[in-house]
Protein backbone atom coordinates (compact mmCIF):
# COMPACT_ATOMS: atom_id res chain seq x y z
CA UNK A 1 -11.59 1.32 -18.33
CA UNK A 2 -10.75 -2.34 -18.04
CA UNK A 3 -7.87 -3.31 -15.70
CA UNK A 4 -8.11 -6.48 -14.67
CA UNK A 5 -5.60 -9.00 -16.86
CA UNK A 6 -6.56 -11.37 -19.58
CA UNK A 7 -4.90 -14.02 -17.68
CA UNK A 8 -4.17 -14.60 -14.26
CA UNK A 9 -0.44 -14.95 -13.93
CA UNK A 10 -0.29 -11.62 -14.95
CA UNK A 11 -0.70 -10.63 -11.83
CA UNK A 12 2.82 -11.91 -10.98
CA UNK A 13 4.23 -9.51 -13.49
CA UNK A 14 5.90 -5.87 -12.37
CA UNK A 15 4.80 -4.52 -16.25
CA UNK A 16 1.05 -5.28 -15.24
CA UNK A 17 0.96 -3.36 -11.82
CA UNK A 18 3.01 -1.19 -13.31
CA UNK A 19 0.49 -0.33 -15.79
CA UNK A 20 -2.28 -1.09 -13.56
CA UNK A 21 -1.33 1.87 -11.28
CA UNK A 22 -0.48 3.91 -14.10
CA UNK A 23 -4.13 3.77 -15.68
CA UNK A 24 -5.64 4.12 -12.33
CA UNK A 25 -3.71 7.29 -11.27
CA UNK A 26 -3.20 8.72 -8.16
CA UNK A 27 -6.62 7.44 -6.63
CA UNK A 28 -6.16 5.24 -3.72
CA UNK A 29 -6.73 1.56 -4.67
CA UNK A 30 -8.08 -0.52 -1.86
CA UNK A 31 -8.33 -3.99 -2.00
CA UNK A 32 -10.24 -5.27 1.10
CA UNK A 33 -11.53 -2.34 2.54
CA UNK A 34 -10.79 0.96 3.70
CA UNK A 35 -9.28 1.90 6.84
CA UNK A 36 -12.55 3.42 8.36
CA UNK A 37 -14.08 0.09 7.56
CA UNK A 38 -11.27 -1.77 9.14
CA UNK A 39 -10.69 0.18 11.91
CA UNK A 40 -12.48 -1.18 14.96
CA UNK A 41 -10.86 -4.82 14.08
CA UNK A 42 -7.41 -3.41 13.81
CA UNK A 43 -8.24 -1.61 17.17
CA UNK A 44 -8.37 -5.06 18.66
CA UNK A 45 -5.76 -6.99 17.12
CA UNK A 46 -2.74 -4.01 17.02
CA UNK A 47 -1.17 -1.67 18.88
CA UNK A 48 0.46 0.98 18.59
CA UNK A 49 3.77 -0.48 19.41
CA UNK A 50 3.45 -3.17 16.87
CA UNK A 51 5.79 -3.33 13.71
CA UNK A 52 3.53 -3.57 10.73
CA UNK A 53 4.19 -5.37 7.71
CA UNK A 54 2.25 -4.21 4.76
CA UNK A 55 2.75 -6.86 1.61
CA UNK A 56 1.58 -5.80 -1.83
CA UNK A 57 0.83 -2.59 -0.42
CA UNK A 58 -0.19 -0.64 -3.62
CA UNK A 59 -1.12 2.88 -4.01
CA UNK A 60 -3.54 2.14 -0.87
CA UNK A 61 -4.04 4.90 1.44
CA UNK A 62 -4.55 2.25 4.57
CA UNK A 63 -0.86 2.55 5.95
CA UNK A 64 -1.04 6.40 5.92
CA UNK A 65 -4.32 6.22 7.46
CA UNK A 66 -2.79 3.48 10.20
CA UNK A 67 0.34 6.00 10.49
CA UNK A 68 -1.92 9.29 10.99
CA UNK A 69 -3.36 7.08 14.08
CA UNK A 70 -0.35 6.63 16.15
CA UNK A 71 1.15 3.65 14.72
CA UNK A 72 4.03 4.55 13.08
CA UNK A 73 6.07 1.35 13.03
CA UNK A 74 5.17 0.36 9.38
CA UNK A 75 6.80 -1.10 6.26
CA UNK A 76 5.09 -1.05 2.97
CA UNK A 77 6.15 -3.55 0.16
CA UNK A 78 5.45 -4.25 -3.49
CA UNK A 79 7.30 -4.83 -6.55
CA UNK A 80 6.53 -1.89 -8.74
CA UNK A 81 9.49 0.13 -8.41
CA UNK A 82 7.54 3.35 -9.95
CA UNK A 83 4.84 2.77 -7.30
CA UNK A 84 7.05 2.61 -4.47
CA UNK A 85 8.85 5.66 -5.75
CA UNK A 86 5.63 7.69 -5.66
CA UNK A 87 4.31 6.65 -2.21
CA UNK A 88 7.67 7.03 -0.92
CA UNK A 89 7.71 11.10 -2.43
CA UNK A 90 4.12 11.49 -1.01
CA UNK A 91 4.62 10.23 2.32
CA UNK A 92 8.01 11.14 3.35
CA UNK A 93 7.70 14.49 5.02
CA UNK A 94 4.70 13.91 6.78
CA UNK A 95 5.33 9.98 7.68
CA UNK A 96 8.81 9.90 8.38
CA UNK A 97 8.79 6.80 10.38
CA UNK A 98 7.36 4.70 7.47
CA UNK A 99 9.07 3.05 4.96
CA UNK A 100 8.60 1.95 1.17
CA UNK A 101 10.77 -1.03 -0.15
CA UNK A 102 10.56 -2.48 -3.50
CA UNK A 103 10.17 -6.29 -3.03
CA UNK A 104 8.81 -9.36 -4.41
CA UNK A 105 6.76 -11.32 -1.54
């Protein structure tokens, strides 16, 4: 399954991202590394009282992992409405303080 766009301009398209996440399914996609990979870096630079903004959150489990480790003030932003709806549904009961917003950064 080739999910890369034919041209880099497609990265700016909501349709591209809706298709990307629909094709990938529910498996989390981590661009830069998983929480276990980056945990020590996070612990050095943020506290559990900090407000965290996850730009282009996608369906990453990174913010859920942060939340589950006492970082509860997290706003997740992506411009794929279907993705945000799905992530909000997956997290609203277990992680009620975390929010999910449809926005274009």
